[in-house]
């Protein structure tokens, strides 16, 4: 079939579709890629700071660094957030509150540990200490680590861009599925 004065219109035949083994799997893969693309361009971190690193987190959202240009907008409630940035020292008394906030966030959700205290306990990690948790990964599934004491806003922006890259590639979803399968196997 040809249009007058234009290029021919090629309509694939039924034989073309019969060569594809499973068009449903192909369709879901494309749908997952589109969903990941939408998630990447609309990350909503929770406005949640525990200690001194939260000042640097706030600075990353201000005009000089401008996270809005990446589609990253801070939200004030966990029910509207999909990224938890644990910024600061975590005491044992504060762990149940952080877990409650994590459980209130809708899925898919991600965690960024920002600062040495959130990664490993920082200067508070010494033998005999009893009040500080030595890392957010002891009770949360941390996806990205942003080191520093305190880390610069550029470090947080790089961590968020790394999170966007991981979401786009779909590596985080695969890791979470593997963790769930390992937990089921232990039971």
N, C-alpha and C. Protein backbone atom coordinates (compact mmCIF):
# COMPACT_ATOMS: atom_id res chain seq x y z
N UNK A 1 0.84 -1.17 0.00
CA UNK A 1 0.00 0.00 0.00
C UNK A 1 0.89 1.23 0.00
N UNK A 2 0.61 2.17 -0.82
CA UNK A 2 1.42 3.39 -0.90
C UNK A 2 0.50 4.61 -0.85
N UNK A 3 0.97 5.64 -0.22
CA UNK A 3 0.25 6.90 -0.16
C UNK A 3 0.78 7.76 -1.28
N UNK A 4 -0.12 8.47 -1.93
CA UNK A 4 0.26 9.28 -3.07
C UNK A 4 1.29 10.33 -2.64
N UNK A 5 2.45 10.28 -3.27
CA UNK A 5 3.50 11.25 -2.99
C UNK A 5 4.27 10.98 -1.71
N UNK A 6 4.06 9.82 -1.07
CA UNK A 6 4.76 9.53 0.19
C UNK A 6 5.45 8.19 0.14
N UNK A 7 5.92 7.80 1.29
CA UNK A 7 6.59 6.53 1.42
C UNK A 7 5.56 5.42 1.62
N UNK A 8 5.90 4.19 1.25
CA UNK A 8 4.95 3.09 1.46
C UNK A 8 4.74 2.81 2.96
N UNK A 9 3.53 2.45 3.33
CA UNK A 9 3.20 2.11 4.70
C UNK A 9 3.38 0.61 4.85
N UNK A 10 4.22 0.23 5.80
CA UNK A 10 4.48 -1.18 6.02
C UNK A 10 3.70 -1.63 7.23
N UNK A 11 2.79 -2.55 7.04
CA UNK A 11 2.01 -3.11 8.13
C UNK A 11 2.53 -4.52 8.36
N UNK A 12 3.02 -4.81 9.59
CA UNK A 12 3.53 -6.16 9.83
C UNK A 12 2.43 -7.20 9.73
N UNK A 13 2.77 -8.33 9.17
CA UNK A 13 1.80 -9.40 8.99
C UNK A 13 1.72 -10.25 10.25
N UNK A 14 0.77 -11.16 10.29
CA UNK A 14 0.58 -12.05 11.42
C UNK A 14 1.79 -12.95 11.61
N UNK A 15 2.48 -13.30 10.52
CA UNK A 15 3.65 -14.16 10.61
C UNK A 15 4.76 -13.48 11.42
N UNK A 16 4.83 -12.15 11.33
CA UNK A 16 5.84 -11.41 12.08
C UNK A 16 5.63 -11.61 13.59
N UNK A 17 4.39 -11.53 14.04
CA UNK A 17 4.10 -11.67 15.46
C UNK A 17 4.23 -13.11 15.94
N UNK A 18 4.02 -14.07 15.05
CA UNK A 18 4.13 -15.46 15.47
C UNK A 18 5.59 -15.87 15.71
N UNK A 19 6.57 -15.10 15.21
CA UNK A 19 7.98 -15.40 15.43
C UNK A 19 8.41 -15.03 16.84
N UNK A 20 7.73 -14.09 17.46
CA UNK A 20 8.06 -13.70 18.84
C UNK A 20 7.54 -14.80 19.75
N UNK A 21 8.42 -15.33 20.60
CA UNK A 21 8.05 -16.46 21.44
C UNK A 21 6.96 -16.10 22.44
N UNK A 22 7.14 -15.01 23.16
CA UNK A 22 6.16 -14.62 24.16
C UNK A 22 5.99 -13.10 24.15
N UNK A 23 5.03 -12.59 23.42
CA UNK A 23 4.86 -11.13 23.37
C UNK A 23 4.46 -10.54 24.72
N UNK A 24 3.87 -11.35 25.62
CA UNK A 24 3.48 -10.82 26.93
C UNK A 24 4.71 -10.45 27.75
N UNK A 25 5.74 -11.29 27.71
CA UNK A 25 6.96 -10.99 28.46
C UNK A 25 7.62 -9.74 27.90
N UNK A 26 7.66 -9.63 26.59
CA UNK A 26 8.23 -8.46 25.95
C UNK A 26 7.46 -7.21 26.36
N UNK A 27 6.13 -7.30 26.41
CA UNK A 27 5.30 -6.16 26.80
C UNK A 27 5.53 -5.74 28.23
N UNK A 28 5.68 -6.71 29.14
CA UNK A 28 5.92 -6.37 30.54
C UNK A 28 7.30 -5.76 30.73
N UNK A 29 8.29 -6.22 29.98
CA UNK A 29 9.63 -5.65 30.09
C UNK A 29 9.62 -4.19 29.67
N UNK A 30 8.94 -3.88 28.59
CA UNK A 30 8.85 -2.49 28.15
C UNK A 30 8.07 -1.67 29.16
N UNK A 31 7.01 -2.21 29.72
CA UNK A 31 6.23 -1.51 30.73
C UNK A 31 7.07 -1.23 31.96
N UNK A 32 7.87 -2.21 32.40
CA UNK A 32 8.75 -2.01 33.57
C UNK A 32 9.77 -0.92 33.29
N UNK A 33 10.32 -0.89 32.07
CA UNK A 33 11.27 0.17 31.71
C UNK A 33 10.62 1.54 31.75
N UNK A 34 9.38 1.63 31.27
CA UNK A 34 8.66 2.92 31.31
C UNK A 34 8.36 3.34 32.74
N UNK A 35 7.97 2.38 33.59
CA UNK A 35 7.72 2.71 35.00
C UNK A 35 8.99 3.16 35.69
N UNK A 36 10.11 2.48 35.42
CA UNK A 36 11.38 2.89 36.01
C UNK A 36 11.79 4.28 35.55
N UNK A 37 11.54 4.61 34.30
CA UNK A 37 11.84 5.95 33.78
C UNK A 37 11.01 7.01 34.49
N UNK A 38 9.74 6.71 34.73
CA UNK A 38 8.89 7.66 35.45
C UNK A 38 9.34 7.80 36.90
N UNK A 39 9.74 6.71 37.52
CA UNK A 39 10.20 6.76 38.92
C UNK A 39 11.48 7.56 39.05
N UNK A 40 12.39 7.40 38.08
CA UNK A 40 13.66 8.10 38.12
C UNK A 40 13.46 9.61 38.06
N UNK A 41 12.55 10.06 37.26
CA UNK A 41 12.36 11.50 37.06
C UNK A 41 11.40 12.12 38.06
N UNK A 42 11.01 11.38 39.07
CA UNK A 42 10.14 11.95 40.10
C UNK A 42 10.43 11.32 41.46
N UNK A 43 11.69 11.37 41.90
CA UNK A 43 12.03 10.89 43.23
C UNK A 43 11.58 11.91 44.26
N UNK A 44 10.93 11.45 45.31
CA UNK A 44 10.44 12.34 46.36
C UNK A 44 11.02 11.90 47.70
N UNK A 45 12.16 12.47 48.10
CA UNK A 45 12.73 12.11 49.41
C UNK A 45 11.91 12.72 50.54
N UNK A 46 11.94 12.04 51.66
CA UNK A 46 11.24 12.53 52.85
C UNK A 46 12.11 13.57 53.55
N UNK A 47 11.50 14.65 54.00
CA UNK A 47 12.20 15.66 54.78
C UNK A 47 12.40 15.09 56.16
N UNK A 48 13.58 14.50 56.37
CA UNK A 48 13.82 13.74 57.59
C UNK A 48 15.30 13.79 57.89
N UNK A 49 15.68 14.58 58.87
CA UNK A 49 17.08 14.68 59.26
C UNK A 49 17.22 14.42 60.73
N UNK A 50 18.27 13.69 61.11
CA UNK A 50 18.45 13.32 62.50
C UNK A 50 19.47 14.23 63.17
N UNK A 51 20.58 14.52 62.49
CA UNK A 51 21.65 15.29 63.13
C UNK A 51 22.26 16.26 62.12
N UNK A 52 23.55 16.54 62.28
CA UNK A 52 24.22 17.60 61.52
C UNK A 52 24.19 17.38 60.01
N UNK A 53 24.12 16.15 59.53
CA UNK A 53 24.07 15.89 58.09
C UNK A 53 22.80 16.43 57.46
N UNK A 54 21.78 16.61 58.26
CA UNK A 54 20.52 17.11 57.70
C UNK A 54 20.66 18.55 57.21
N UNK A 55 21.59 19.32 57.76
CA UNK A 55 21.83 20.68 57.27
C UNK A 55 22.34 20.63 55.84
N UNK A 56 23.25 19.69 55.56
CA UNK A 56 23.76 19.53 54.20
C UNK A 56 22.67 19.01 53.26
N UNK A 57 21.78 18.17 53.76
CA UNK A 57 20.66 17.68 52.96
C UNK A 57 19.74 18.85 52.59
N UNK A 58 19.49 19.74 53.55
CA UNK A 58 18.66 20.92 53.27
C UNK A 58 19.34 21.84 52.27
N UNK A 59 20.66 21.98 52.38
CA UNK A 59 21.39 22.83 51.44
C UNK A 59 21.29 22.30 50.02
N UNK A 60 21.24 20.97 49.85
CA UNK A 60 21.12 20.39 48.51
C UNK A 60 19.79 20.74 47.86
N UNK A 61 18.79 21.04 48.65
CA UNK A 61 17.48 21.41 48.10
C UNK A 61 17.31 22.89 47.85
N UNK A 62 18.29 23.69 48.26
CA UNK A 62 18.19 25.14 48.09
C UNK A 62 18.60 25.56 46.67
N UNK A 63 18.52 26.86 46.41
CA UNK A 63 18.71 27.39 45.06
C UNK A 63 20.10 27.14 44.48
N UNK A 64 21.13 27.12 45.32
CA UNK A 64 22.47 26.95 44.77
C UNK A 64 22.67 25.58 44.13
N UNK A 65 22.12 24.55 44.72
CA UNK A 65 22.31 23.19 44.21
C UNK A 65 21.07 22.69 43.46
N UNK A 66 19.88 23.10 43.87
CA UNK A 66 18.64 22.95 43.12
C UNK A 66 18.34 21.51 42.66
N UNK A 67 17.85 20.70 43.59
CA UNK A 67 17.47 19.33 43.25
C UNK A 67 16.22 19.28 42.35
N UNK A 68 15.48 20.36 42.29
CA UNK A 68 14.26 20.38 41.45
C UNK A 68 14.57 20.13 39.98
N UNK A 69 15.75 20.51 39.53
CA UNK A 69 16.09 20.31 38.12
C UNK A 69 16.22 18.83 37.76
N UNK A 70 16.40 17.97 38.77
CA UNK A 70 16.46 16.53 38.55
C UNK A 70 15.11 15.86 38.80
N UNK A 71 14.09 16.63 39.13
CA UNK A 71 12.78 16.06 39.45
C UNK A 71 12.70 15.55 40.87
N UNK A 72 13.63 15.98 41.73
CA UNK A 72 13.68 15.52 43.11
C UNK A 72 13.09 16.61 43.99
N UNK A 73 11.95 16.31 44.60
CA UNK A 73 11.24 17.29 45.42
C UNK A 73 11.02 16.68 46.80
N UNK A 74 11.46 17.39 47.84
CA UNK A 74 11.29 16.89 49.20
C UNK A 74 9.82 16.94 49.61
N UNK A 75 9.37 15.89 50.28
CA UNK A 75 8.00 15.79 50.77
C UNK A 75 8.05 15.74 52.30
N UNK A 76 7.01 16.18 52.94
CA UNK A 76 7.02 16.25 54.40
C UNK A 76 6.33 15.08 55.08
N UNK A 77 5.80 14.16 54.33
CA UNK A 77 5.11 13.02 54.92
C UNK A 77 5.62 11.72 54.30
N UNK A 78 5.74 10.67 55.08
CA UNK A 78 6.23 9.41 54.51
C UNK A 78 5.26 8.79 53.51
N UNK A 79 4.00 9.12 53.59
CA UNK A 79 3.02 8.52 52.67
C UNK A 79 3.10 9.08 51.26
N UNK A 80 3.85 10.18 51.09
CA UNK A 80 4.06 10.75 49.76
C UNK A 80 5.50 10.59 49.29
N UNK A 81 6.34 9.95 50.08
CA UNK A 81 7.77 9.84 49.78
C UNK A 81 8.11 8.45 49.26
N UNK A 82 9.17 8.39 48.47
CA UNK A 82 9.66 7.09 48.03
C UNK A 82 11.15 6.91 48.29
N UNK A 83 11.82 7.92 48.85
CA UNK A 83 13.23 7.83 49.21
C UNK A 83 13.38 8.31 50.65
N UNK A 84 14.03 7.50 51.48
CA UNK A 84 14.36 7.92 52.84
C UNK A 84 15.86 8.18 52.88
N UNK A 85 16.22 9.42 53.23
CA UNK A 85 17.62 9.78 53.39
C UNK A 85 17.89 9.80 54.89
N UNK A 86 18.61 8.79 55.37
CA UNK A 86 18.96 8.73 56.79
C UNK A 86 20.22 9.58 56.94
N UNK A 87 20.05 10.79 57.49
CA UNK A 87 21.14 11.76 57.56
C UNK A 87 21.47 12.05 59.02
N UNK A 88 22.43 11.33 59.56
CA UNK A 88 22.86 11.64 60.91
C UNK A 88 23.01 10.42 61.80
N UNK A 89 23.29 10.70 63.07
CA UNK A 89 23.53 9.68 64.08
C UNK A 89 22.23 9.01 64.48
N UNK A 90 22.23 7.69 64.53
CA UNK A 90 21.02 6.93 64.85
C UNK A 90 21.18 6.32 66.25
N UNK A 91 20.35 6.74 67.17
CA UNK A 91 20.39 6.14 68.50
C UNK A 91 19.46 4.93 68.53
N UNK A 92 19.71 4.03 69.48
CA UNK A 92 18.88 2.82 69.60
C UNK A 92 17.42 3.17 69.91
N UNK A 93 17.20 4.26 70.66
CA UNK A 93 15.84 4.66 70.98
C UNK A 93 15.08 5.15 69.76
N UNK A 94 15.82 5.63 68.74
CA UNK A 94 15.18 6.21 67.56
C UNK A 94 14.88 5.16 66.48
N UNK A 95 15.43 3.96 66.59
CA UNK A 95 15.24 2.92 65.57
C UNK A 95 13.76 2.58 65.35
N UNK A 96 12.92 2.39 66.39
CA UNK A 96 11.51 2.07 66.13
C UNK A 96 10.77 3.18 65.37
N UNK A 97 11.15 4.41 65.60
CA UNK A 97 10.51 5.53 64.89
C UNK A 97 10.89 5.50 63.41
N UNK A 98 12.16 5.25 63.13
CA UNK A 98 12.61 5.17 61.74
C UNK A 98 11.94 4.00 61.03
N UNK A 99 11.83 2.86 61.71
CA UNK A 99 11.15 1.70 61.11
C UNK A 99 9.68 2.01 60.82
N UNK A 100 9.02 2.73 61.73
CA UNK A 100 7.62 3.10 61.51
C UNK A 100 7.48 3.99 60.29
N UNK A 101 8.37 4.98 60.16
CA UNK A 101 8.35 5.84 58.98
C UNK A 101 8.59 5.04 57.70
N UNK A 102 9.52 4.09 57.77
CA UNK A 102 9.84 3.24 56.61
C UNK A 102 8.63 2.41 56.19
N UNK A 103 7.92 1.87 57.18
CA UNK A 103 6.76 1.04 56.87
C UNK A 103 5.60 1.87 56.33
N UNK A 104 5.53 3.15 56.66
CA UNK A 104 4.45 4.01 56.16
C UNK A 104 4.68 4.46 54.73
N UNK A 105 5.90 4.32 54.22
CA UNK A 105 6.20 4.75 52.85
C UNK A 105 5.65 3.72 51.86
N UNK A 106 5.01 4.19 50.79
CA UNK A 106 4.52 3.25 49.78
C UNK A 106 5.67 2.70 48.94
N UNK A 107 5.50 1.53 48.40
CA UNK A 107 6.54 0.92 47.56
C UNK A 107 6.38 1.36 46.12
N UNK A 108 7.39 1.28 45.33
CA UNK A 108 8.77 0.95 45.66
C UNK A 108 9.43 2.10 46.41
N UNK A 109 10.33 1.75 47.31
CA UNK A 109 10.99 2.75 48.14
C UNK A 109 12.46 2.41 48.27
N UNK A 110 13.26 3.45 48.51
CA UNK A 110 14.70 3.30 48.56
C UNK A 110 15.26 4.04 49.77
N UNK A 111 16.48 3.66 50.18
CA UNK A 111 17.13 4.27 51.34
C UNK A 111 18.52 4.75 50.93
N UNK A 112 18.85 5.97 51.37
CA UNK A 112 20.20 6.50 51.21
C UNK A 112 20.74 6.77 52.61
N UNK A 113 21.89 6.19 52.93
CA UNK A 113 22.56 6.46 54.20
C UNK A 113 23.55 7.59 53.95
N UNK A 114 23.32 8.74 54.60
CA UNK A 114 24.13 9.93 54.34
C UNK A 114 24.97 10.26 55.57
N UNK A 115 26.27 10.27 55.40
CA UNK A 115 27.18 10.61 56.48
C UNK A 115 27.76 9.39 57.15
N UNK A 116 28.92 9.59 57.78
CA UNK A 116 29.62 8.47 58.42
C UNK A 116 28.82 7.87 59.57
N UNK A 117 28.05 8.68 60.29
CA UNK A 117 27.26 8.15 61.41
C UNK A 117 26.17 7.20 60.91
N UNK A 118 25.53 7.55 59.80
CA UNK A 118 24.48 6.69 59.26
C UNK A 118 25.05 5.46 58.57
N UNK A 119 26.30 5.53 58.14
CA UNK A 119 26.92 4.39 57.46
C UNK A 119 27.53 3.41 58.45
N UNK A 120 28.30 3.94 59.44
CA UNK A 120 29.04 3.03 60.31
C UNK A 120 29.09 3.46 61.78
N UNK A 121 28.34 4.46 62.16
CA UNK A 121 28.39 4.93 63.54
C UNK A 121 29.28 6.13 63.72
N UNK A 122 30.15 6.41 62.75
CA UNK A 122 31.01 7.58 62.77
C UNK A 122 31.93 7.61 63.98
N UNK A 123 32.13 8.79 64.56
CA UNK A 123 33.04 8.89 65.71
C UNK A 123 32.47 8.25 66.98
N UNK A 124 31.21 7.84 66.92
CA UNK A 124 30.58 7.23 68.08
C UNK A 124 30.74 5.71 68.11
N UNK A 125 31.40 5.15 67.12
CA UNK A 125 31.61 3.71 67.05
C UNK A 125 32.90 3.36 67.77
N UNK A 126 32.80 2.98 69.01
CA UNK A 126 33.95 2.53 69.78
C UNK A 126 33.51 1.41 70.70
N UNK A 127 34.47 0.68 71.18
CA UNK A 127 34.17 -0.49 72.01
C UNK A 127 33.52 -0.05 73.32
N UNK A 128 32.41 -0.65 73.63
CA UNK A 128 31.71 -0.35 74.87
C UNK A 128 30.59 0.66 74.76
N UNK A 129 30.44 1.28 73.61
CA UNK A 129 29.33 2.24 73.48
C UNK A 129 28.02 1.47 73.36
N UNK A 130 26.96 2.02 73.89
CA UNK A 130 25.70 1.29 73.96
C UNK A 130 24.51 2.06 73.38
N UNK A 131 24.70 3.31 73.00
CA UNK A 131 23.56 4.13 72.63
C UNK A 131 23.38 4.33 71.13
N UNK A 132 24.41 4.12 70.32
CA UNK A 132 24.37 4.47 68.91
C UNK A 132 24.40 3.20 68.05
N UNK A 133 23.56 3.18 67.01
CA UNK A 133 23.54 2.08 66.04
C UNK A 133 24.68 2.29 65.06
N UNK A 134 25.46 1.25 64.81
CA UNK A 134 26.61 1.34 63.91
C UNK A 134 26.20 1.12 62.46
N UNK A 135 25.34 1.96 61.95
CA UNK A 135 24.94 1.90 60.55
C UNK A 135 23.46 1.64 60.36
N UNK A 136 22.89 2.34 59.38
CA UNK A 136 21.47 2.17 59.07
C UNK A 136 21.19 0.82 58.43
N UNK A 137 22.22 0.20 57.85
CA UNK A 137 22.00 -1.10 57.20
C UNK A 137 21.79 -2.23 58.20
N UNK A 138 21.87 -1.95 59.47
CA UNK A 138 21.56 -2.96 60.50
C UNK A 138 20.06 -3.23 60.58
N UNK A 139 19.24 -2.25 60.15
CA UNK A 139 17.78 -2.44 60.26
C UNK A 139 17.02 -1.96 59.03
N UNK A 140 17.68 -1.35 58.05
CA UNK A 140 17.03 -0.92 56.81
C UNK A 140 17.82 -1.44 55.60
N UNK A 141 17.15 -1.71 54.48
CA UNK A 141 17.87 -2.13 53.27
C UNK A 141 18.44 -0.92 52.53
N UNK A 142 19.66 -0.52 52.85
CA UNK A 142 20.29 0.68 52.29
C UNK A 142 20.71 0.41 50.84
N UNK A 143 20.36 1.34 49.95
CA UNK A 143 20.68 1.21 48.53
C UNK A 143 21.93 2.00 48.16
N UNK A 144 22.08 3.20 48.72
CA UNK A 144 23.20 4.09 48.38
C UNK A 144 23.84 4.60 49.67
N UNK A 145 25.18 4.65 49.67
CA UNK A 145 25.93 5.20 50.79
C UNK A 145 26.62 6.49 50.33
N UNK A 146 26.42 7.58 51.08
CA UNK A 146 27.07 8.86 50.78
C UNK A 146 28.02 9.17 51.94
N UNK A 147 29.35 8.94 51.76
CA UNK A 147 30.29 9.13 52.87
C UNK A 147 30.63 10.59 53.10
N UNK A 148 31.16 10.86 54.28
CA UNK A 148 31.62 12.20 54.63
C UNK A 148 31.14 12.56 56.02
N UNK A 149 31.79 13.54 56.61
CA UNK A 149 31.39 13.99 57.94
C UNK A 149 31.51 15.51 58.02
N UNK A 150 30.49 16.23 57.74
CA UNK A 150 29.29 15.84 57.00
C UNK A 150 29.57 15.83 55.49
N UNK A 151 28.84 15.06 54.74
CA UNK A 151 29.05 15.06 53.29
C UNK A 151 28.56 16.37 52.68
N UNK A 152 29.20 16.80 51.64
CA UNK A 152 28.81 18.03 50.94
C UNK A 152 27.50 17.79 50.18
N UNK A 153 26.75 18.84 49.87
CA UNK A 153 25.54 18.68 49.07
C UNK A 153 25.81 18.03 47.71
N UNK A 154 26.98 18.29 47.15
CA UNK A 154 27.33 17.66 45.88
C UNK A 154 27.41 16.14 46.02
N UNK A 155 27.86 15.67 47.18
CA UNK A 155 27.91 14.23 47.44
C UNK A 155 26.52 13.62 47.47
N UNK A 156 25.58 14.33 48.11
CA UNK A 156 24.20 13.83 48.13
C UNK A 156 23.60 13.83 46.74
N UNK A 157 23.89 14.87 45.96
CA UNK A 157 23.38 14.91 44.58
C UNK A 157 23.96 13.76 43.77
N UNK A 158 25.25 13.47 43.95
CA UNK A 158 25.85 12.34 43.25
C UNK A 158 25.21 11.02 43.69
N UNK A 159 24.90 10.90 44.98
CA UNK A 159 24.23 9.70 45.47
C UNK A 159 22.84 9.54 44.87
N UNK A 160 22.11 10.64 44.77
CA UNK A 160 20.77 10.59 44.16
C UNK A 160 20.85 10.25 42.68
N UNK A 161 21.85 10.78 41.98
CA UNK A 161 22.03 10.44 40.57
C UNK A 161 22.40 8.97 40.41
N UNK A 162 23.20 8.45 41.35
CA UNK A 162 23.55 7.03 41.33
C UNK A 162 22.30 6.17 41.57
N UNK A 163 21.44 6.62 42.48
CA UNK A 163 20.18 5.92 42.72
C UNK A 163 19.32 5.92 41.46
N UNK A 164 19.27 7.06 40.76
CA UNK A 164 18.51 7.12 39.51
C UNK A 164 19.07 6.14 38.48
N UNK A 165 20.38 6.03 38.41
CA UNK A 165 21.00 5.09 37.48
C UNK A 165 20.63 3.66 37.82
N UNK A 166 20.67 3.32 39.11
CA UNK A 166 20.32 1.96 39.53
C UNK A 166 18.85 1.65 39.24
N UNK A 167 17.98 2.63 39.45
CA UNK A 167 16.55 2.40 39.18
C UNK A 167 16.34 2.20 37.68
N UNK A 168 16.99 3.01 36.86
CA UNK A 168 16.84 2.90 35.41
C UNK A 168 17.29 1.53 34.91
N UNK A 169 18.40 1.04 35.43
CA UNK A 169 18.91 -0.27 35.01
C UNK A 169 18.11 -1.42 35.59
N UNK A 170 17.33 -1.15 36.64
CA UNK A 170 16.52 -2.19 37.25
C UNK A 170 17.30 -3.08 38.19
N UNK A 171 18.52 -2.68 38.59
CA UNK A 171 19.33 -3.53 39.45
C UNK A 171 18.81 -3.58 40.88
N UNK A 172 18.17 -2.53 41.33
CA UNK A 172 17.68 -2.51 42.71
C UNK A 172 16.53 -3.50 42.87
N UNK A 173 15.61 -3.53 41.90
CA UNK A 173 14.49 -4.47 41.99
C UNK A 173 14.99 -5.91 42.04
N UNK A 174 16.00 -6.22 41.23
CA UNK A 174 16.54 -7.58 41.21
C UNK A 174 17.19 -7.92 42.55
N UNK A 175 17.89 -6.95 43.15
CA UNK A 175 18.53 -7.20 44.44
C UNK A 175 17.48 -7.46 45.52
N UNK A 176 16.41 -6.69 45.51
CA UNK A 176 15.37 -6.87 46.53
C UNK A 176 14.69 -8.23 46.37
N UNK A 177 14.45 -8.65 45.13
CA UNK A 177 13.84 -9.97 44.91
C UNK A 177 14.76 -11.07 45.42
N UNK A 178 16.07 -10.92 45.19
CA UNK A 178 17.03 -11.92 45.67
C UNK A 178 17.06 -11.97 47.20
N UNK A 179 16.97 -10.78 47.84
CA UNK A 179 16.95 -10.75 49.31
C UNK A 179 15.70 -11.42 49.85
N UNK A 180 14.56 -11.17 49.24
CA UNK A 180 13.31 -11.79 49.68
C UNK A 180 13.38 -13.32 49.51
N UNK A 181 13.93 -13.76 48.39
CA UNK A 181 14.05 -15.21 48.16
C UNK A 181 14.97 -15.85 49.19
N UNK A 182 16.05 -15.15 49.56
CA UNK A 182 16.96 -15.68 50.58
C UNK A 182 16.28 -15.75 51.93
N UNK A 183 15.47 -14.73 52.26
CA UNK A 183 14.75 -14.76 53.54
C UNK A 183 13.72 -15.88 53.58
N UNK A 184 13.05 -16.12 52.45
CA UNK A 184 12.07 -17.21 52.39
C UNK A 184 12.76 -18.57 52.53
N UNK A 185 13.95 -18.68 51.95
CA UNK A 185 14.69 -19.94 52.02
C UNK A 185 15.16 -20.24 53.44
N UNK A 186 15.44 -19.21 54.23
CA UNK A 186 15.86 -19.40 55.62
C UNK A 186 14.72 -19.90 56.50
N UNK A 187 13.48 -19.55 56.14
CA UNK A 187 12.31 -19.93 56.98
C UNK A 187 12.00 -21.37 56.91
